[in-house]
Amino acid sequence: MKERQEKNIDNLTAVWELVGNTFHALESRDFLNRCQIGSAEWPNRIWFSNNVNEEILSRASQVIKNIPVLPTLSYWSDFQNKEGDLLFEAFGFKIKSQQIGMSLAHLQKINHHNRITLAKISTEKQAAEWQVIYPMSFGYRIPAAIIKKTNHLINYYLVHYGDSIIGTVFTYPTQNTLGIHGLGIVPEFRKQGFAEEVMANLINQAIDENISLITLQSSPMGKAIYLRMGFSEDFIMTNYILKQ
């Protein structure tokens, strides 16, 4: 399980690093990494290079206090993280959100309804549509400018159902791992099996491309979908912000 956790985290941070490097906005120190592209809400992320202790959290809080746009600090742990939460709280952090790191190995093709199509973004119009649709699911934007500048390396898709665009997803491969990110269905089309159908499409495509492991980070509300599809829960990612 530890190997899956590492591959999941490596894939996620590779996305942040790719976007940061593309915009010359990646800062790496001996104890943390930071990606911030202007005032964009994403990635706007800080993550640690090593294990966390009091000294590192103290240094991190000082760095964040001098950043004009408040970043999210992401930290990975097992599911018994009460001591970690107390340590972060002692240095002025509070929990913003939590996600569950999940993975699927031993991939098998999945039959599905074929109600949707995944349109890979390749035009400015599609990037602009993504910028509008994505926040309907997640409450924050990934700007069209980021998509246009990185879509030759990251696979961004709009989810189409008939004439409607009902969601988004993007994928990024690292070696034999495919990370699935930003899978969201707009509220009026939820609870109709569309997220499962998107995932089934991506799993089938991954098999054709000789991928052996799929990773993602799910909201607590959405994890039941992935458990039904055979994913395992590998770790918890807690996203903190500094109290103001």
C-alpha atoms as a PDB file:
ATOM      1  CA  MET A   1       0.000   0.000   0.000  1.00  0.00           C
ATOM      2  CA  LYS A   2       2.913   2.324   0.734  1.00  0.00           C
ATOM      3  CA  GLU A   3       4.065   2.067  -2.892  1.00  0.00           C
ATOM      4  CA  ARG A   4       0.604   3.061  -4.148  1.00  0.00           C
ATOM      5  CA  GLN A   5       0.557   6.025  -1.772  1.00  0.00           C
ATOM      6  CA  GLU A   6       3.923   7.216  -3.067  1.00  0.00           C
ATOM      7  CA  LYS A   7       2.869   6.857  -6.705  1.00  0.00           C
ATOM      8  CA  ASN A   8      -0.342   8.761  -6.005  1.00  0.00           C
ATOM      9  CA  ILE A   9       1.444  11.644  -4.284  1.00  0.00           C
ATOM     10  CA  ASP A  10       4.218  11.693  -6.902  1.00  0.00           C
ATOM     11  CA  ASN A  11       1.629  12.004  -9.665  1.00  0.00           C
ATOM     12  CA  LEU A  12      -0.258  14.804  -7.936  1.00  0.00           C
ATOM     13  CA  THR A  13       2.822  16.852  -7.103  1.00  0.00           C
ATOM     14  CA  ALA A  14       4.166  16.275 -10.625  1.00  0.00           C
ATOM     15  CA  VAL A  15       1.084  18.077 -11.967  1.00  0.00           C
ATOM     16  CA  TRP A  16       1.667  21.041  -9.650  1.00  0.00           C
ATOM     17  CA  GLU A  17       5.361  21.119 -10.569  1.00  0.00           C
ATOM     18  CA  LEU A  18       4.645  20.926 -14.302  1.00  0.00           C
ATOM     19  CA  VAL A  19       2.205  23.833 -14.135  1.00  0.00           C
ATOM     20  CA  GLY A  20       4.536  25.824 -11.900  1.00  0.00           C
ATOM     21  CA  ASN A  21       7.552  25.278 -14.131  1.00  0.00           C
ATOM     22  CA  THR A  22       5.557  26.183 -17.235  1.00  0.00           C
ATOM     23  CA  PHE A  23       4.786  29.593 -15.726  1.00  0.00           C
ATOM     24  CA  HIS A  24       8.171  29.962 -13.964  1.00  0.00           C
ATOM     25  CA  ALA A  25       6.200  29.963 -10.717  1.00  0.00           C
ATOM     26  CA  LEU A  26       7.643  26.979  -8.842  1.00  0.00           C
ATOM     27  CA  GLU A  27       9.669  27.745  -5.716  1.00  0.00           C
ATOM     28  CA  SER A  28      11.533  24.894  -4.011  1.00  0.00           C
ATOM     29  CA  ARG A  29      13.251  25.319  -0.665  1.00  0.00           C
ATOM     30  CA  ASP A  30      14.997  22.769   1.492  1.00  0.00           C
ATOM     31  CA  PHE A  31      11.787  22.050   3.418  1.00  0.00           C
ATOM     32  CA  LEU A  32       8.853  23.040   1.195  1.00  0.00           C
ATOM     33  CA  ASN A  33       7.669  23.589  -2.366  1.00  0.00           C
ATOM     34  CA  ARG A  34       5.346  26.331  -3.521  1.00  0.00           C
ATOM     35  CA  CYS A  35       3.425  26.889  -6.751  1.00  0.00           C
ATOM     36  CA  GLN A  36       1.586  30.179  -7.225  1.00  0.00           C
ATOM     37  CA  ILE A  37       0.672  31.635 -10.618  1.00  0.00           C
ATOM     38  CA  GLY A  38      -0.246  35.271 -10.090  1.00  0.00           C
ATOM     39  CA  SER A  39      -3.591  35.481  -8.325  1.00  0.00           C
ATOM     40  CA  ALA A  40      -4.877  32.179  -9.770  1.00  0.00           C
ATOM     41  CA  GLU A  41      -6.742  29.939  -7.324  1.00  0.00           C
ATOM     42  CA  TRP A  42      -5.035  26.808  -8.686  1.00  0.00           C
ATOM     43  CA  PRO A  43      -2.580  25.330  -7.976  1.00  0.00           C
ATOM     44  CA  ASN A  44      -1.770  28.022  -5.305  1.00  0.00           C
ATOM     45  CA  ARG A  45      -0.250  25.250  -3.216  1.00  0.00           C
ATOM     46  CA  ILE A  46       2.452  24.554  -0.674  1.00  0.00           C
ATOM     47  CA  TRP A  47       3.664  21.063   0.165  1.00  0.00           C
ATOM     48  CA  PHE A  48       6.557  19.732   2.212  1.00  0.00           C
ATOM     49  CA  SER A  49       9.725  18.057   0.963  1.00  0.00           C
ATOM     50  CA  ASN A  50      10.244  15.991   4.129  1.00  0.00           C
ATOM     51  CA  ASN A  51       8.492  14.890   7.300  1.00  0.00           C
ATOM     52  CA  VAL A  52       6.909  17.659   9.326  1.00  0.00           C
ATOM     53  CA  ASN A  53       8.108  18.770  12.745  1.00  0.00           C
ATOM     54  CA  GLU A  54       7.708  21.870  14.885  1.00  0.00           C
ATOM     55  CA  GLU A  55      10.663  23.679  13.315  1.00  0.00           C
ATOM     56  CA  ILE A  56       9.399  23.109   9.775  1.00  0.00           C
ATOM     57  CA  LEU A  57       5.865  24.227  10.633  1.00  0.00           C
ATOM     58  CA  SER A  58       7.220  27.348  12.312  1.00  0.00           C
ATOM     59  CA  ARG A  59       9.287  28.188   9.226  1.00  0.00           C
ATOM     60  CA  ALA A  60       6.346  27.431   6.925  1.00  0.00           C
ATOM     61  CA  SER A  61       4.008  29.735   8.836  1.00  0.00           C
ATOM     62  CA  GLN A  62       6.545  32.563   8.535  1.00  0.00           C
ATOM     63  CA  VAL A  63       6.816  32.030   4.777  1.00  0.00           C
ATOM     64  CA  ILE A  64       3.034  32.017   4.332  1.00  0.00           C
ATOM     65  CA  LYS A  65       2.557  35.195   6.386  1.00  0.00           C
ATOM     66  CA  ASN A  66       4.563  37.055   3.732  1.00  0.00           C
ATOM     67  CA  ILE A  67       2.543  35.757   0.765  1.00  0.00           C
ATOM     68  CA  PRO A  68      -0.129  38.213  -0.511  1.00  0.00           C
ATOM     69  CA  VAL A  69      -2.459  35.475  -1.859  1.00  0.00           C
ATOM     70  CA  LEU A  70      -3.167  32.963   0.914  1.00  0.00           C
ATOM     71  CA  PRO A  71      -2.036  29.507  -0.281  1.00  0.00           C
ATOM     72  CA  THR A  72      -3.339  26.061   0.600  1.00  0.00           C
ATOM     73  CA  LEU A  73      -0.887  23.812   2.421  1.00  0.00           C
ATOM     74  CA  SER A  74      -1.378  20.100   1.632  1.00  0.00           C
ATOM     75  CA  TYR A  75      -0.174  17.344   3.941  1.00  0.00           C
ATOM     76  CA  TRP A  76      -0.441  13.565   3.536  1.00  0.00           C
ATOM     77  CA  SER A  77      -0.880  11.113   6.398  1.00  0.00           C
ATOM     78  CA  ASP A  78      -2.557   7.903   7.443  1.00  0.00           C
ATOM     79  CA  PHE A  79      -6.138   7.990   8.668  1.00  0.00           C
ATOM     80  CA  GLN A  80      -5.208   8.459  12.344  1.00  0.00           C
ATOM     81  CA  ASN A  81      -3.957  12.042  12.091  1.00  0.00           C
ATOM     82  CA  LYS A  82      -5.266  13.664  15.280  1.00  0.00           C
ATOM     83  CA  GLU A  83      -1.784  14.464  16.583  1.00  0.00           C
ATOM     84  CA  GLY A  84      -0.878  16.013  13.221  1.00  0.00           C
ATOM     85  CA  ASP A  85      -3.971  18.214  13.288  1.00  0.00           C
ATOM     86  CA  LEU A  86      -3.099  19.422  16.785  1.00  0.00           C
ATOM     87  CA  LEU A  87       0.463  20.209  15.694  1.00  0.00           C
ATOM     88  CA  PHE A  88      -0.711  22.247  12.703  1.00  0.00           C
ATOM     89  CA  GLU A  89      -3.261  24.041  14.897  1.00  0.00           C
ATOM     90  CA  ALA A  90      -0.522  24.983  17.372  1.00  0.00           C
ATOM     91  CA  PHE A  91       1.249  26.885  14.597  1.00  0.00           C
ATOM     92  CA  GLY A  92      -1.812  28.805  13.431  1.00  0.00           C
ATOM     93  CA  PHE A  93      -3.226  26.512  10.744  1.00  0.00           C
ATOM     94  CA  LYS A  94      -6.808  25.348  10.360  1.00  0.00           C
ATOM     95  CA  ILE A  95      -8.310  22.633   8.184  1.00  0.00           C
ATOM     96  CA  LYS A  96      -9.735  23.894   4.899  1.00  0.00           C
ATOM     97  CA  SER A  97     -10.721  20.519   3.403  1.00  0.00           C
ATOM     98  CA  GLN A  98      -9.770  16.860   3.308  1.00  0.00           C
ATOM     99  CA  GLN A  99      -9.453  14.372   0.474  1.00  0.00           C
ATOM    100  CA  ILE A 100      -8.874  10.630   0.385  1.00  0.00           C
ATOM    101  CA  GLY A 101      -6.032   9.283  -1.706  1.00  0.00           C
ATOM    102  CA  MET A 102      -7.373   6.262  -3.614  1.00  0.00           C
ATOM    103  CA  SER A 103      -5.969   3.818  -6.140  1.00  0.00           C
ATOM    104  CA  LEU A 104      -7.036   1.023  -8.472  1.00  0.00           C
ATOM    105  CA  ALA A 105      -4.763  -1.769  -9.687  1.00  0.00           C
ATOM    106  CA  HIS A 106      -5.532  -4.951 -11.646  1.00  0.00           C
ATOM    107  CA  LEU A 107      -7.538  -2.956 -14.169  1.00  0.00           C
ATOM    108  CA  GLN A 108     -10.398  -4.594 -16.022  1.00  0.00           C
ATOM    109  CA  LYS A 109     -12.557  -3.146 -18.785  1.00  0.00           C
ATOM    110  CA  ILE A 110     -15.932  -1.848 -17.654  1.00  0.00           C
ATOM    111  CA  ASN A 111     -19.154  -1.886 -19.621  1.00  0.00           C
ATOM    112  CA  HIS A 112     -21.083   1.378 -19.409  1.00  0.00           C
ATOM    113  CA  HIS A 113     -24.057   3.196 -20.946  1.00  0.00           C
ATOM    114  CA  ASN A 114     -22.171   5.264 -23.553  1.00  0.00           C
ATOM    115  CA  ARG A 115     -24.271   8.315 -22.710  1.00  0.00           C
ATOM    116  CA  ILE A 116     -21.330  10.712 -22.560  1.00  0.00           C
ATOM    117  CA  THR A 117     -18.324  11.703 -24.615  1.00  0.00           C
ATOM    118  CA  LEU A 118     -15.020  13.098 -23.400  1.00  0.00           C
ATOM    119  CA  ALA A 119     -13.820  15.979 -25.571  1.00  0.00           C
ATOM    120  CA  LYS A 120     -10.099  16.635 -25.148  1.00  0.00           C
ATOM    121  CA  ILE A 121      -9.471  20.360 -25.010  1.00  0.00           C
ATOM    122  CA  SER A 122      -7.585  21.657 -28.028  1.00  0.00           C
ATOM    123  CA  THR A 123      -9.126  25.073 -28.770  1.00  0.00           C
ATOM    124  CA  GLU A 124      -9.420  28.423 -27.019  1.00  0.00           C
ATOM    125  CA  LYS A 125     -13.215  28.069 -27.054  1.00  0.00           C
ATOM    126  CA  GLN A 126     -13.015  24.771 -25.160  1.00  0.00           C
ATOM    127  CA  ALA A 127     -10.574  26.256 -22.634  1.00  0.00           C
ATOM    128  CA  ALA A 128     -12.996  29.133 -22.042  1.00  0.00           C
ATOM    129  CA  GLU A 129     -15.859  26.639 -21.568  1.00  0.00           C
ATOM    130  CA  TRP A 130     -13.771  24.734 -19.010  1.00  0.00           C
ATOM    131  CA  GLN A 131     -13.124  27.958 -17.086  1.00  0.00           C
ATOM    132  CA  VAL A 132     -16.898  28.411 -16.741  1.00  0.00           C
ATOM    133  CA  ILE A 133     -17.873  24.787 -16.036  1.00  0.00           C
ATOM    134  CA  TYR A 134     -15.148  23.734 -13.592  1.00  0.00           C
ATOM    135  CA  PRO A 135     -16.089  26.102 -10.717  1.00  0.00           C
ATOM    136  CA  MET A 136     -19.669  24.812 -10.798  1.00  0.00           C
ATOM    137  CA  SER A 137     -18.325  21.585  -9.282  1.00  0.00           C
ATOM    138  CA  PHE A 138     -15.370  22.803  -7.251  1.00  0.00           C
ATOM    139  CA  GLY A 139     -16.020  26.421  -6.299  1.00  0.00           C
ATOM    140  CA  TYR A 140     -12.728  27.708  -7.700  1.00  0.00           C
ATOM    141  CA  ARG A 141     -11.343  28.343 -11.185  1.00  0.00           C
ATOM    142  CA  ILE A 142      -8.595  26.816 -13.262  1.00  0.00           C
ATOM    143  CA  PRO A 143      -7.995  29.700 -15.682  1.00  0.00           C
ATOM    144  CA  ALA A 144      -8.159  29.120 -19.416  1.00  0.00           C
ATOM    145  CA  ALA A 145      -4.624  30.531 -19.688  1.00  0.00           C
ATOM    146  CA  ILE A 146      -3.250  27.636 -17.638  1.00  0.00           C
ATOM    147  CA  ILE A 147      -5.098  25.074 -19.726  1.00  0.00           C
ATOM    148  CA  LYS A 148      -3.942  26.544 -23.033  1.00  0.00           C
ATOM    149  CA  LYS A 149      -0.322  26.567 -21.926  1.00  0.00           C
ATOM    150  CA  THR A 150      -0.256  23.029 -20.467  1.00  0.00           C
ATOM    151  CA  ASN A 151      -2.738  20.999 -22.532  1.00  0.00           C
ATOM    152  CA  HIS A 152       0.054  19.474 -24.639  1.00  0.00           C
ATOM    153  CA  LEU A 153       1.183  17.611 -21.491  1.00  0.00           C
ATOM    154  CA  ILE A 154      -1.965  17.392 -19.345  1.00  0.00           C
ATOM    155  CA  ASN A 155      -5.121  15.862 -20.846  1.00  0.00           C
ATOM    156  CA  TYR A 156      -8.037  18.174 -20.071  1.00  0.00           C
ATOM    157  CA  TYR A 157     -11.513  16.954 -21.024  1.00  0.00           C
ATOM    158  CA  LEU A 158     -14.999  18.445 -21.162  1.00  0.00           C
ATOM    159  CA  VAL A 159     -17.751  15.923 -20.425  1.00  0.00           C
ATOM    160  CA  HIS A 160     -20.565  16.131 -23.000  1.00  0.00           C
ATOM    161  CA  TYR A 161     -24.052  14.689 -22.615  1.00  0.00           C
ATOM    162  CA  GLY A 162     -26.005  15.383 -25.768  1.00  0.00           C
ATOM    163  CA  ASP A 163     -25.746  19.113 -26.415  1.00  0.00           C
ATOM    164  CA  SER A 164     -24.820  19.906 -22.803  1.00  0.00           C
ATOM    165  CA  ILE A 165     -21.417  20.183 -21.166  1.00  0.00           C
ATOM    166  CA  ILE A 166     -21.979  18.555 -17.795  1.00  0.00           C
ATOM    167  CA  GLY A 167     -18.525  18.236 -16.276  1.00  0.00           C
ATOM    168  CA  THR A 168     -14.750  18.218 -16.406  1.00  0.00           C
ATOM    169  CA  VAL A 169     -11.837  15.895 -15.776  1.00  0.00           C
ATOM    170  CA  PHE A 170      -8.130  15.897 -16.455  1.00  0.00           C
ATOM    171  CA  THR A 171      -5.506  13.166 -16.452  1.00  0.00           C
ATOM    172  CA  TYR A 172      -1.744  13.034 -16.188  1.00  0.00           C
ATOM    173  CA  PRO A 173       0.468   9.966 -16.669  1.00  0.00           C
ATOM    174  CA  THR A 174       3.630   9.288 -14.682  1.00  0.00           C
ATOM    175  CA  GLN A 175       5.348   6.084 -15.815  1.00  0.00           C
ATOM    176  CA  ASN A 176       2.747   3.295 -15.498  1.00  0.00           C
ATOM    177  CA  THR A 177       0.411   5.409 -13.322  1.00  0.00           C
ATOM    178  CA  LEU A 178      -2.483   7.531 -14.533  1.00  0.00           C
ATOM    179  CA  GLY A 179      -3.596  10.265 -12.169  1.00  0.00           C
ATOM    180  CA  ILE A 180      -7.222  11.345 -12.572  1.00  0.00           C
ATOM    181  CA  HIS A 181      -7.954  14.850 -11.303  1.00  0.00           C
ATOM    182  CA  GLY A 182     -10.718  17.440 -11.350  1.00  0.00           C
ATOM    183  CA  LEU A 183     -13.537  14.991 -12.078  1.00  0.00           C
ATOM    184  CA  GLY A 184     -16.665  16.985 -11.410  1.00  0.00           C
ATOM    185  CA  ILE A 185     -20.261  16.855 -12.644  1.00  0.00           C
ATOM    186  CA  VAL A 186     -22.333  20.032 -12.457  1.00  0.00           C
ATOM    187  CA  PRO A 187     -25.055  19.895  -9.761  1.00  0.00           C
ATOM    188  CA  GLU A 188     -28.092  19.427 -12.010  1.00  0.00           C
ATOM    189  CA  PHE A 189     -26.627  16.235 -13.535  1.00  0.00           C
ATOM    190  CA  ARG A 190     -25.405  14.566 -10.354  1.00  0.00           C
ATOM    191  CA  LYS A 191     -26.674  11.268  -8.900  1.00  0.00           C
ATOM    192  CA  GLN A 192     -27.335   9.894 -12.380  1.00  0.00           C
ATOM    193  CA  GLY A 193     -24.208   7.758 -12.737  1.00  0.00           C
ATOM    194  CA  PHE A 194     -22.283  10.185 -14.941  1.00  0.00           C
ATOM    195  CA  ALA A 195     -19.165  10.306 -12.732  1.00  0.00           C
ATOM    196  CA  GLU A 196     -18.958   6.501 -12.830  1.00  0.00           C
ATOM    197  CA  GLU A 197     -19.320   6.602 -16.589  1.00  0.00           C
ATOM    198  CA  VAL A 198     -16.500   9.134 -16.945  1.00  0.00           C
ATOM    199  CA  MET A 199     -14.304   6.937 -14.764  1.00  0.00           C
ATOM    200  CA  ALA A 200     -15.217   3.815 -16.747  1.00  0.00           C
ATOM    201  CA  ASN A 201     -14.215   5.574 -19.973  1.00  0.00           C
ATOM    202  CA  LEU A 202     -10.865   6.565 -18.482  1.00  0.00           C
ATOM    203  CA  ILE A 203     -10.191   3.103 -17.037  1.00  0.00           C
ATOM    204  CA  ASN A 204     -10.885   1.470 -20.403  1.00  0.00           C
ATOM    205  CA  GLN A 205      -8.639   3.974 -22.141  1.00  0.00           C
ATOM    206  CA  ALA A 206      -5.892   3.410 -19.554  1.00  0.00           C
ATOM    207  CA  ILE A 207      -5.958  -0.337 -20.192  1.00  0.00           C
ATOM    208  CA  ASP A 208      -5.470   0.290 -23.922  1.00  0.00           C
ATOM    209  CA  GLU A 209      -2.453   2.462 -23.049  1.00  0.00           C
ATOM    210  CA  ASN A 210      -0.878  -0.222 -20.796  1.00  0.00           C
ATOM    211  CA  ILE A 211      -1.442   1.706 -17.564  1.00  0.00           C
ATOM    212  CA  SER A 212      -1.282  -0.559 -14.498  1.00  0.00           C
ATOM    213  CA  LEU A 213      -2.343   1.831 -11.710  1.00  0.00           C
ATOM    214  CA  ILE A 214      -4.927   4.607 -11.508  1.00  0.00           C
ATOM    215  CA  THR A 215      -4.784   7.173  -8.709  1.00  0.00           C
ATOM    216  CA  LEU A 216      -7.034  10.007  -7.556  1.00  0.00           C
ATOM    217  CA  GLN A 217      -7.912  12.155  -4.570  1.00  0.00           C
ATOM    218  CA  SER A 218     -11.594  12.040  -3.679  1.00  0.00           C
ATOM    219  CA  SER A 219     -13.751  14.231  -1.502  1.00  0.00           C
ATOM    220  CA  PRO A 220     -15.241  12.352   1.471  1.00  0.00           C
ATOM    221  CA  MET A 221     -18.650  12.738  -0.204  1.00  0.00           C
ATOM    222  CA  GLY A 222     -17.500  11.210  -3.493  1.00  0.00           C
ATOM    223  CA  LYS A 223     -15.432   8.277  -2.242  1.00  0.00           C
ATOM    224  CA  ALA A 224     -18.388   5.843  -2.277  1.00  0.00           C
ATOM    225  CA  ILE A 225     -18.433   6.022  -6.085  1.00  0.00           C
ATOM    226  CA  TYR A 226     -14.824   4.882  -6.305  1.00  0.00           C
ATOM    227  CA  LEU A 227     -15.156   2.224  -3.613  1.00  0.00           C
ATOM    228  CA  ARG A 228     -17.968   0.660  -5.649  1.00  0.00           C
ATOM    229  CA  MET A 229     -15.609   0.571  -8.624  1.00  0.00           C
ATOM    230  CA  GLY A 230     -12.929  -1.275  -6.674  1.00  0.00           C
ATOM    231  CA  PHE A 231     -10.635   1.557  -5.559  1.00  0.00           C
ATOM    232  CA  SER A 232      -8.841   1.299  -2.222  1.00  0.00           C
ATOM    233  CA  GLU A 233      -8.437   4.068   0.359  1.00  0.00           C
ATOM    234  CA  ASP A 234      -4.697   4.633   0.800  1.00  0.00           C
ATOM    235  CA  PHE A 235      -4.217   7.865   2.766  1.00  0.00           C
ATOM    236  CA  ILE A 236      -5.794  11.155   3.721  1.00  0.00           C
ATOM    237  CA  MET A 237      -4.734  14.524   2.349  1.00  0.00           C
ATOM    238  CA  THR A 238      -5.511  17.413   4.663  1.00  0.00           C
ATOM    239  CA  ASN A 239      -5.506  20.894   3.167  1.00  0.00           C
ATOM    240  CA  TYR A 240      -4.722  23.644   5.658  1.00  0.00           C
ATOM    241  CA  ILE A 241      -4.785  27.422   5.520  1.00  0.00           C
ATOM    242  CA  LEU A 242      -3.143  29.827   7.913  1.00  0.00           C
ATOM    243  CA  LYS A 243      -5.590  31.520  10.282  1.00  0.00           C
ATOM    244  CA  GLN A 244      -5.907  35.239   9.698  1.00  0.00           C
END
